[in-house]
Protein backbone atom coordinates (compact mmCIF):
# COMPACT_ATOMS: atom_id res chain seq x y z
CA MET A 1 76.96 138.00 100.32
CA ASP A 2 76.77 134.70 102.18
CA PHE A 3 79.62 133.08 104.07
CA GLU A 4 80.80 130.76 101.27
CA GLU A 5 80.78 133.60 98.72
CA LYS A 6 82.80 135.77 101.09
CA ILE A 7 85.41 133.02 101.44
CA GLN A 8 85.74 132.65 97.67
CA ASN A 9 85.86 136.40 97.01
CA CYS A 10 88.36 137.23 99.76
CA LEU A 11 90.64 134.19 99.59
CA LYS A 12 90.33 132.93 95.99
CA ASP A 13 93.17 130.54 95.15
CA ARG A 14 93.92 129.75 98.81
CA VAL A 15 90.73 127.77 99.37
CA VAL A 16 89.24 124.55 98.06
CA LEU A 17 85.79 122.97 98.26
CA LYS A 18 86.53 120.28 100.82
CA PRO A 19 84.02 117.56 99.74
CA LEU A 20 85.69 117.34 96.33
CA THR A 21 88.74 115.68 97.87
CA ARG A 22 86.81 112.69 99.21
CA TRP A 23 85.33 111.14 96.07
CA ASN A 24 87.46 108.00 96.19
CA GLU A 25 88.02 106.01 99.39
CA ALA A 26 91.10 104.41 97.83
CA TYR A 27 92.93 107.73 98.23
CA LYS A 28 92.76 107.84 102.02
CA GLU A 29 96.41 106.77 102.12
CA PHE A 30 97.49 110.07 100.59
CA PRO A 31 98.10 113.10 102.79
CA ARG A 32 95.14 115.45 102.53
CA TYR A 33 97.28 118.31 101.23
CA VAL A 34 98.30 116.15 98.25
CA MET A 35 94.70 115.52 97.26
CA GLU A 36 93.72 119.14 97.85
CA TYR A 37 96.57 120.36 95.67
CA LEU A 38 95.44 118.10 92.84
CA VAL A 39 91.78 119.07 93.27
CA ALA A 40 92.58 122.79 93.36
CA ARG A 41 94.60 122.42 90.17
CA TYR A 42 92.44 120.08 88.08
CA VAL A 43 88.84 120.09 89.36
CA ASN A 44 86.16 122.59 88.41
CA PRO A 45 83.63 122.59 91.30
CA ASP A 46 80.77 123.04 88.82
CA TYR A 47 81.85 120.05 86.69
CA PRO A 48 84.01 117.92 89.01
CA VAL A 49 83.93 114.54 87.26
CA ILE A 50 86.30 115.40 84.40
CA GLY A 51 88.95 116.76 86.78
CA GLN A 52 88.58 113.84 89.15
CA GLN A 53 89.07 111.41 86.26
CA LYS A 54 92.26 113.24 85.32
CA ILE A 55 93.55 112.88 88.88
CA ASP A 56 92.68 109.17 88.74
CA ARG A 57 94.88 108.82 85.65
CA ILE A 58 97.76 110.77 87.20
CA LEU A 59 97.77 108.65 90.33
CA ASN A 60 97.40 105.37 88.44
CA GLU A 61 100.28 106.20 86.10
CA HIS A 62 102.75 107.82 88.46
CA TYR A 63 102.08 106.73 92.04
CA VAL A 64 103.84 103.51 93.00
CA GLU A 65 103.53 101.60 96.24
CA SER A 66 106.76 100.77 98.01
CA GLY A 67 106.30 97.05 97.33
CA ALA A 68 106.82 97.69 93.63
CA LYS A 69 110.14 99.49 94.00
CA GLU A 70 112.17 96.89 92.11
CA LEU A 71 109.78 97.10 89.16
CA ILE A 72 110.02 100.90 89.12
CA LYS A 73 113.81 100.86 89.33
CA SER A 74 113.78 98.51 86.36
CA LYS A 75 111.49 100.84 84.39
CA ILE A 76 113.76 103.81 85.11
CA LYS A 77 116.77 101.79 83.92
CA GLU A 78 115.13 100.51 80.74
CA LYS A 79 113.46 103.79 79.72
CA GLY A 80 116.28 106.07 80.86
CA GLU A 81 113.88 108.18 82.95
CA TYR A 82 110.50 107.90 84.63
CA THR A 83 108.07 110.33 86.26
CA LEU A 84 107.14 109.37 89.81
CA LEU A 85 104.65 110.79 92.28
CA GLY A 86 105.67 110.60 95.90
CA GLN A 87 107.65 112.08 98.75
CA LEU A 88 111.10 113.62 98.34
CA GLN A 89 113.51 114.72 101.05
CA VAL A 90 117.08 115.97 100.82
CA ARG A 91 119.97 115.82 103.28
CA LEU A 92 123.56 117.08 103.26
CA ASP A 93 126.17 114.33 103.62
CA GLU A 94 129.11 116.37 104.94
CA SER A 95 131.48 113.40 104.88
CA ARG A 96 131.12 113.23 101.08
CA ASP A 97 130.35 116.94 100.62
CA HIS A 98 127.26 115.88 98.71
CA TYR A 99 123.49 116.34 98.78
CA TRP A 100 121.41 113.18 98.64
CA ALA A 101 117.73 112.77 97.90
CA GLU A 102 115.72 110.25 99.89
CA VAL A 103 113.03 108.68 97.71
CA PRO A 104 110.95 106.18 99.73
CA VAL A 105 109.30 104.69 96.63
CA LEU A 106 112.76 103.63 95.41
CA GLY A 107 113.79 102.43 98.84
CA SER A 108 116.98 104.48 98.54
CA ASN A 109 118.59 107.22 100.64
CA PHE A 110 121.34 107.83 98.08
CA VAL A 111 119.67 109.34 95.04
CA ARG A 112 121.45 112.26 93.39
CA ILE A 113 119.60 115.56 93.18
CA GLY A 114 119.83 118.20 90.46
CA LYS A 115 121.21 121.67 91.25
CA LYS A 116 118.14 123.28 89.70
CA VAL A 117 115.86 121.37 92.08
CA LEU A 118 118.04 122.32 95.03
CA ASN A 119 118.11 125.99 94.06
CA GLU A 120 114.32 126.20 93.67
CA TYR A 121 113.09 123.93 96.47
CA GLY A 122 116.10 123.21 98.67
CA GLU A 123 114.68 125.04 101.69
CA VAL A 124 111.54 122.89 101.65
CA LEU A 125 113.27 119.61 100.80
CA LEU A 126 115.93 120.03 103.47
CA ALA A 127 113.34 120.93 106.12
CA GLY A 128 111.24 117.79 106.19
CA GLY A 129 110.66 117.19 102.48
CA ALA A 130 107.62 117.50 100.23
CA TRP A 131 105.29 115.50 98.05
CA GLY A 132 105.28 116.08 94.33
CA THR A 133 106.11 114.68 90.90
CA MET A 134 109.74 114.01 90.09
CA VAL A 135 111.57 112.99 86.93
CA VAL A 136 114.14 110.33 87.85
CA GLU A 137 116.94 109.53 85.38
CA TYR A 138 119.26 106.52 85.21
CA ASP A 139 122.98 107.05 84.63
CA PRO A 140 125.01 103.83 85.13
CA GLN A 141 128.30 105.71 84.66
CA TYR A 142 128.11 108.06 87.66
CA GLU A 143 130.59 107.06 90.32
CA LEU A 144 131.50 108.70 93.63
CA LYS A 145 134.44 107.45 95.68
CA GLY A 146 134.40 104.06 94.00
CA ARG A 147 130.66 103.44 94.21
CA LEU A 148 127.95 103.75 91.56
CA TYR A 149 124.94 106.01 92.18
CA PRO A 150 122.85 105.70 89.01
CA PHE A 151 119.56 107.34 90.07
CA TYR A 152 119.22 111.09 89.63
CA VAL A 153 116.28 113.46 90.32
CA ARG A 154 116.39 115.92 87.44
CA GLU A 155 113.11 117.76 87.96
CA PHE A 156 110.64 118.19 90.79
CA THR A 157 107.22 119.87 91.03
CA PRO A 158 105.94 120.08 94.62
CA PHE A 159 102.32 119.48 95.55
CA GLN A 160 102.72 122.16 98.16
CA ILE A 161 102.70 125.92 98.38
CA THR A 162 106.26 127.05 98.94
CA ARG A 163 105.92 130.84 98.98
CA ILE A 164 103.33 132.72 101.02
CA ALA A 165 102.95 136.09 102.72
CA LEU A 166 101.92 135.90 106.38
CA ASP A 167 101.09 139.62 106.51
CA ASP A 168 98.57 139.14 103.69
CA TYR A 169 96.90 136.31 105.63
CA VAL A 170 96.72 138.50 108.74
CA GLU A 171 95.20 141.32 106.71
CA LYS A 172 92.56 139.01 105.22
CA ARG A 173 91.45 138.03 108.75
CA GLN A 174 89.95 141.50 109.16
CA ASN A 175 87.31 140.74 106.50
CA PHE A 176 85.64 138.15 108.74
CA THR A 177 83.81 138.21 112.04
CA THR A 178 85.19 136.04 114.83
CA GLU A 179 82.36 133.52 114.35
CA GLU A 180 83.02 133.36 110.59
CA TRP A 181 86.76 132.94 111.11
CA ILE A 182 86.23 130.10 113.59
CA ASP A 183 83.94 128.34 111.11
CA LEU A 184 86.50 128.84 108.34
CA LEU A 185 89.24 127.23 110.44
CA ILE A 186 86.96 124.33 111.41
CA GLN A 187 86.12 123.73 107.72
CA SER A 188 89.80 124.04 106.80
CA ILE A 189 90.79 121.14 109.07
CA GLY A 190 88.05 119.00 107.55
CA PHE A 191 85.01 119.31 109.83
CA ASN A 192 81.52 120.76 109.41
CA PRO A 193 81.02 123.70 111.80
CA ALA A 194 77.23 123.40 111.46
CA LYS A 195 77.37 120.00 113.19
CA VAL A 196 79.30 121.03 116.32
CA THR A 197 78.61 123.35 119.22
CA GLU A 198 80.56 126.50 120.05
CA ARG A 199 82.27 124.68 122.89
CA GLU A 200 83.31 121.84 120.57
CA LYS A 201 84.66 124.35 118.04
CA TRP A 202 86.91 125.89 120.70
CA LEU A 203 88.21 122.47 121.71
CA MET A 204 88.94 121.69 118.06
CA LEU A 205 90.91 124.95 117.91
CA LEU A 206 92.84 123.93 121.02
CA ARG A 207 94.04 120.88 119.06
CA LEU A 208 95.68 123.33 116.64
CA VAL A 209 97.68 125.27 119.25
CA PRO A 210 100.70 122.87 118.98
CA PHE A 211 100.94 123.81 115.29
CA VAL A 212 101.26 127.56 115.97
CA GLU A 213 103.00 127.62 119.36
CA ALA A 214 106.53 126.21 119.53
CA ASN A 215 107.51 123.77 122.30
CA TYR A 216 103.92 123.34 123.40
CA ASN A 217 102.85 120.22 125.32
CA LEU A 218 99.24 119.02 125.13
CA ILE A 219 97.38 115.92 126.30
CA GLU A 220 93.95 114.77 125.10
CA LEU A 221 92.19 111.77 126.59
CA GLY A 222 88.73 110.72 125.47
CA PRO A 223 86.67 108.15 123.56
CA ARG A 224 87.62 106.68 120.22
CA GLU A 225 86.67 108.15 116.84
CA THR A 226 86.60 111.81 117.81
CA GLY A 227 89.08 112.96 115.16
CA LYS A 228 92.28 113.14 117.22
CA THR A 229 94.48 111.20 114.81
CA TYR A 230 92.65 112.59 111.78
CA THR A 231 93.50 116.15 112.84
CA TYR A 232 97.19 115.59 113.50
CA ARG A 233 97.77 113.36 110.51
CA ASN A 234 96.07 115.65 107.99
CA THR A 235 96.50 119.24 109.17
CA SER A 236 100.16 119.60 108.27
CA ASN A 237 102.99 117.70 106.64
CA ARG A 238 105.14 119.01 109.51
CA SER A 239 103.44 116.73 112.03
CA PHE A 240 104.53 113.17 112.77
CA VAL A 241 102.25 110.49 114.20
CA ILE A 242 103.70 107.75 116.42
CA SER A 243 101.03 105.07 116.65
CA GLY A 244 101.77 103.06 119.78
CA GLY A 245 104.57 100.51 119.73
CA ARG A 246 108.12 100.97 120.94
CA THR A 247 109.80 104.35 120.72
CA THR A 248 113.58 104.65 120.85
CA PRO A 249 115.90 107.57 121.67
CA ALA A 250 117.32 107.28 118.14
CA VAL A 251 113.87 107.90 116.63
CA LEU A 252 113.00 110.75 118.97
CA PHE A 253 116.31 112.51 119.54
CA TYR A 254 119.44 111.53 117.63
CA HIS A 255 120.71 108.45 115.80
CA ARG A 256 124.40 108.08 116.57
CA GLY A 257 124.96 105.57 113.77
CA THR A 258 123.62 107.76 110.98
CA ARG A 259 124.38 111.05 112.81
CA LYS A 260 120.86 112.17 111.98
CA ILE A 261 118.65 114.17 114.30
CA GLY A 262 115.38 112.51 115.30
CA ILE A 263 111.83 113.58 114.64
CA LEU A 264 111.87 116.19 117.43
CA GLY A 265 114.35 118.09 115.30
CA GLN A 266 112.53 117.57 112.01
CA ARG A 267 108.85 118.28 112.69
CA ASP A 268 106.68 120.98 114.21
CA VAL A 269 104.41 118.53 116.04
CA VAL A 270 105.07 115.00 117.31
CA PHE A 271 101.81 113.20 118.10
CA PHE A 272 101.88 110.11 120.32
CA ASP A 273 98.72 108.23 119.35
CA GLU A 274 97.40 105.40 121.52
CA ILE A 275 99.77 106.56 124.26
CA ALA A 276 98.62 103.76 126.58
CA ASN A 277 100.18 101.26 124.15
CA THR A 278 103.44 103.15 123.69
CA SER A 279 106.58 101.82 125.33
CA PHE A 280 110.02 103.41 125.55
CA THR A 281 113.38 101.75 125.07
CA ASP A 282 115.42 102.49 128.20
CA PRO A 283 112.46 104.36 129.73
CA ASP A 284 114.37 106.01 132.57
CA ALA A 285 116.86 107.67 130.23
CA THR A 286 114.30 108.44 127.50
CA ILE A 287 111.75 110.04 129.83
CA SER A 288 114.49 112.01 131.58
CA VAL A 289 115.68 113.50 128.30
CA LEU A 290 112.09 114.09 127.19
CA LYS A 291 111.25 115.93 130.44
CA ASP A 292 114.23 118.21 129.99
CA TYR A 293 113.19 118.90 126.41
CA MET A 294 109.59 119.69 127.38
CA GLN A 295 110.86 122.25 129.87
CA THR A 296 113.73 123.85 127.91
CA GLY A 297 113.31 122.94 124.23
CA LYS A 298 116.77 121.35 124.34
CA PHE A 299 118.13 117.81 124.62
CA SER A 300 121.59 116.26 124.82
CA ARG A 301 122.95 113.07 123.32
CA GLY A 302 126.50 112.34 124.41
CA ASP A 303 128.53 115.53 124.01
CA LEU A 304 126.02 117.04 121.56
CA GLU A 305 123.22 119.45 122.50
CA PHE A 306 120.28 120.24 120.26
CA SER A 307 117.68 123.00 120.44
CA THR A 308 114.42 122.41 118.54
CA GLN A 309 110.86 123.75 118.57
CA ALA A 310 108.69 120.65 118.13
CA SER A 311 105.50 120.51 120.17
CA ILE A 312 104.44 117.26 121.82
CA VAL A 313 100.89 115.91 121.90
CA LEU A 314 99.83 112.83 123.87
CA ALA A 315 96.51 111.21 122.96
CA GLY A 316 94.79 108.20 124.42
CA ASN A 317 91.46 106.56 124.97
CA LEU A 318 89.29 106.79 128.09
CA ASP A 319 86.15 104.91 128.99
CA CYS A 320 83.48 107.61 128.94
CA ASP A 321 79.81 108.16 129.60
CA LEU A 322 78.90 109.49 126.17
CA GLU A 323 75.49 110.77 127.23
CA LYS A 324 76.83 112.79 130.15
CA LYS A 325 80.06 113.61 128.25
CA GLN A 326 82.33 112.79 131.16
CA PRO A 327 84.93 110.13 132.03
CA ALA A 328 83.74 106.88 133.55
CA ASP A 329 83.62 106.85 137.35
CA HIS A 330 86.01 103.93 137.84
CA TYR A 331 89.19 106.00 137.30
CA LEU A 332 91.01 107.06 140.46
CA HIS A 333 92.57 109.82 138.36
CA LEU A 334 92.66 110.42 134.62
CA PHE A 335 96.41 109.90 134.20
CA ALA A 336 95.92 106.25 135.23
CA VAL A 337 95.47 105.26 131.55
CA LEU A 338 99.01 106.35 130.67
CA PRO A 339 101.89 103.86 130.65
CA PRO A 340 103.46 103.66 134.14
CA GLU A 341 106.67 105.43 133.14
CA LEU A 342 104.55 108.50 132.28
CA GLY A 343 101.49 108.21 134.51
CA ASN A 344 103.60 107.78 137.66
CA ASP A 345 106.01 110.61 136.83
CA SER A 346 104.47 113.79 138.26
CA ALA A 347 107.38 115.92 137.02
CA PHE A 348 106.66 114.80 133.46
CA LEU A 349 102.92 115.44 133.78
CA ASP A 350 103.49 118.87 135.30
CA ARG A 351 105.29 119.87 132.12
CA LEU A 352 102.07 119.47 130.12
CA HIS A 353 100.60 122.88 129.36
CA ALA A 354 96.98 121.85 128.81
CA PHE A 355 94.62 118.88 129.20
CA LEU A 356 91.96 118.84 126.47
CA PRO A 357 88.77 117.09 127.67
CA GLY A 358 88.32 114.65 124.80
CA TRP A 359 85.13 113.25 126.35
CA GLU A 360 83.39 116.45 125.23
CA MET A 361 84.32 115.98 121.57
CA PRO A 362 81.72 114.62 119.12
CA LYS A 363 82.06 111.28 117.37
CA ILE A 364 83.11 111.77 113.77
CA ARG A 365 80.45 110.59 111.32
CA PRO A 366 80.19 111.21 107.54
CA GLU A 367 77.94 114.23 108.05
CA ASN A 368 80.55 115.77 110.37
CA TYR A 369 83.05 116.25 107.55
CA ALA A 370 83.37 119.69 105.93
CA GLN A 371 80.86 120.56 103.23
CA GLY A 372 82.05 124.04 102.27
CA TYR A 373 85.21 125.94 101.36
CA GLY A 374 88.29 125.98 103.55
CA PHE A 375 91.94 126.91 103.29
CA VAL A 376 94.05 124.58 101.18
CA THR A 377 95.66 122.39 103.83
CA ASP A 378 99.23 122.98 102.76
CA TYR A 379 98.74 126.75 102.65
CA LEU A 380 97.34 126.74 106.17
CA ALA A 381 100.15 124.47 107.38
CA GLU A 382 102.73 126.94 106.11
CA ILE A 383 100.84 129.82 107.75
CA PHE A 384 100.86 127.91 111.04
CA THR A 385 104.61 127.42 110.77
CA ARG A 386 105.14 131.14 110.18
CA LEU A 387 102.92 131.99 113.15
CA ARG A 388 105.18 129.93 115.41
CA ARG A 389 107.83 132.60 114.91
CA ARG A 390 105.62 135.43 116.21
CA ASN A 391 105.30 136.19 119.91
CA TYR A 392 101.72 136.78 121.04
CA GLN A 393 102.57 136.37 124.71
CA THR A 394 103.25 140.10 124.65
CA ILE A 395 99.46 140.58 124.51
CA VAL A 396 99.01 138.37 127.57
CA ASN A 397 101.83 140.06 129.48
CA ALA A 398 100.38 143.49 128.73
CA HIS A 399 96.91 142.74 130.10
CA VAL A 400 97.05 139.89 132.63
CA GLU A 401 98.27 139.77 136.22
CA PHE A 402 99.01 136.31 137.63
CA GLY A 403 99.40 137.10 141.31
CA LYS A 404 101.38 134.49 143.21
CA MET A 405 100.86 131.75 140.64
CA THR A 406 103.88 129.49 140.08
CA GLY A 407 106.07 130.10 137.05
CA ARG A 408 105.15 126.79 135.43
CA ASN A 409 101.43 127.50 135.71
CA GLN A 410 101.94 130.98 134.32
CA ASP A 411 103.98 129.71 131.38
CA SER A 412 101.35 127.09 130.57
CA ILE A 413 98.49 129.59 130.57
CA LYS A 414 100.47 132.14 128.58
CA LYS A 415 101.42 129.64 125.88
CA THR A 416 97.88 128.29 125.47
CA THR A 417 96.41 131.79 125.38
CA ALA A 418 99.04 132.98 122.90
CA GLY A 419 98.33 130.00 120.62
CA LEU A 420 94.59 130.67 120.60
CA LEU A 421 95.22 134.37 119.91
CA LYS A 422 97.37 133.45 116.92
CA LEU A 423 94.64 131.23 115.54
CA LEU A 424 91.70 133.57 116.10
CA PHE A 425 93.06 137.10 116.33
CA PRO A 426 96.36 137.20 114.39
CA HIS A 427 95.60 140.83 113.45
CA ARG A 428 95.54 142.03 117.06
CA THR A 429 98.30 143.71 119.07
CA PRO A 430 98.54 144.61 122.78
CA GLN A 431 96.99 147.96 121.84
CA THR A 432 94.10 146.65 119.70
CA ILE A 433 93.04 143.42 121.44
CA GLU A 434 89.45 143.52 122.69
CA LYS A 435 88.83 142.54 126.31
CA ASN A 436 86.29 139.85 125.44
CA GLU A 437 88.65 138.36 122.81
CA LEU A 438 91.44 137.97 125.34
CA TRP A 439 89.10 136.68 128.03
CA LYS A 440 87.75 133.85 125.90
CA CYS A 441 91.23 132.58 125.04
CA LEU A 442 92.47 133.06 128.59
CA GLN A 443 89.53 131.22 130.12
CA LEU A 444 90.11 128.06 128.09
CA ALA A 445 93.86 128.20 128.85
CA VAL A 446 93.19 128.44 132.60
CA GLU A 447 90.61 125.65 132.52
CA CYS A 448 92.91 123.22 130.70
CA ARG A 449 95.88 123.91 132.96
CA GLN A 450 93.61 123.63 136.01
CA ARG A 451 92.61 120.12 134.89
CA ILE A 452 96.26 119.01 135.02
CA ILE A 453 96.78 120.44 138.51
CA ASP A 454 93.54 118.84 139.75
CA GLN A 455 94.59 115.40 138.51
CA LEU A 456 98.08 115.76 139.98
CA ALA A 457 96.55 116.72 143.33
CA ILE A 458 94.66 113.40 143.26
CA SER A 459 97.52 111.21 141.99
CA THR A 460 100.34 112.84 143.99
CA PRO A 461 98.70 114.57 146.99
CA GLY A 462 101.96 114.85 148.92
CA GLU A 463 103.50 117.00 146.17
CA PHE A 464 100.55 118.86 144.62
CA LYS A 465 97.73 120.65 146.40
CA GLU A 466 94.40 121.88 145.11
CA VAL A 467 94.89 125.36 143.68
CA ASP A 468 92.33 127.74 142.18
CA LEU A 469 94.20 129.16 139.19
CA LYS A 470 91.27 131.24 138.02
CA GLY A 471 91.13 133.02 141.37
CA SER A 472 94.75 134.15 140.99
CA ILE A 473 94.26 135.90 137.64
CA GLU A 474 93.12 139.43 137.01
CA LEU A 475 93.17 141.70 134.01
CA CYS A 476 95.19 144.84 134.50
CA GLU A 477 91.90 146.76 134.64
CA LYS A 478 91.14 144.64 137.77
CA SER A 479 88.21 142.95 136.01
CA ARG A 480 87.88 139.47 137.43
CA ILE A 481 87.66 136.67 134.83
CA GLU A 482 84.13 135.41 134.35
CA SER A 483 83.36 131.68 134.36
CA ASP A 484 80.66 131.34 131.71
CA PHE A 485 82.30 132.18 128.40
CA LEU A 486 82.54 128.68 127.04
CA GLY A 487 79.51 127.06 128.59
CA LYS A 488 79.99 123.78 130.37
CA GLN A 489 83.12 123.46 132.51
CA GLU A 490 84.36 120.32 134.16
């Protein structure tokens, strides 16, 4: 049985043939999990055209761009109801003791929601929302506290998997070798494992650690077009991409006017793209709150305190020597490309758990996209969310001694190692983990924390000194960590 047959036999309805989702460039605006849901439901891999034509009809008839919202509202009014395809989110308005649906395509945050929809999908809709098809009715008679609210979501069918069993996923892992499992994960996030090296595969996996490890802080700097934004925009609907521009405390933390928690309280991962072009309203206050959150997982706004689990990822572009796969020589230190309020704040930078060397990542070309089967994106996203609730640092604590290493360095290495263990060896326990499995994860964690300390020692020599983190670590069996597991090291 070859690799692709094993995937289909072992995982069946949880996988999709990835190339089938890319037949029409016009659909790039849709989240990947939406297209994969439709493909998995309507497309026969042996005869794809008929299913793809059906999806074309569904999207043409029921998907509406936000610019046409007045036309759609008119159609709902005139016909009495209309089936829409789009995003739906629900919130509780405690002042009115009422649940409201937020339907972006209608441009309204005050759409009524049916009890049946709430009972079936309330947990998903209240925790970030979901894409799907919804039947929206028009009732001009409904009034609440002197105001008319005519739009009503009567039915909803999500384009997402809402019920999964994590233990079943963990059990299925045992059917694959480590190399096969790595390739399956790489295909699942949209890339072709045959076109990348082992080292590049591990760095791609490091990009996924923020999805499985709560309150994890990662930075990746490197050349353009290496798949940074693609990964964080398409791997999970629980990630949020901030693409440069101005960021306010209301967006990040809490909006006092609407009394609504910001994206740090709504998503699993907040990705700051083009970080060099990002500016912060009231930077001193914003960065101060952000630093506290990165350390404790909590933030305060006025007399309110919030505790959330969102991970933070910073990504930016570096001038690089692509042949040598290293940063250009003209940088004094690599944090120099960050905006001053971040790049000059050593306390902020020290709270980053890992520095992913983006200059080692391959440029993304058409042949680099996945050609085989991978997990349905939404299924994997839900698995990642469930894995955040499991503690794999117990494996690290049981087998690793950190010597006199500082607490912040220890925490960083533990979190990175735990995240990689969740991704690659979710079936392992402190009793069953293999030494080489732990070593490989631990080595990358040490390397990527070491890179942060090295850059801080250059940028802030009076505060940070050169430290050999690898030399401080031993396995409990007193076996010194080797330095050649992942090939090239910076």
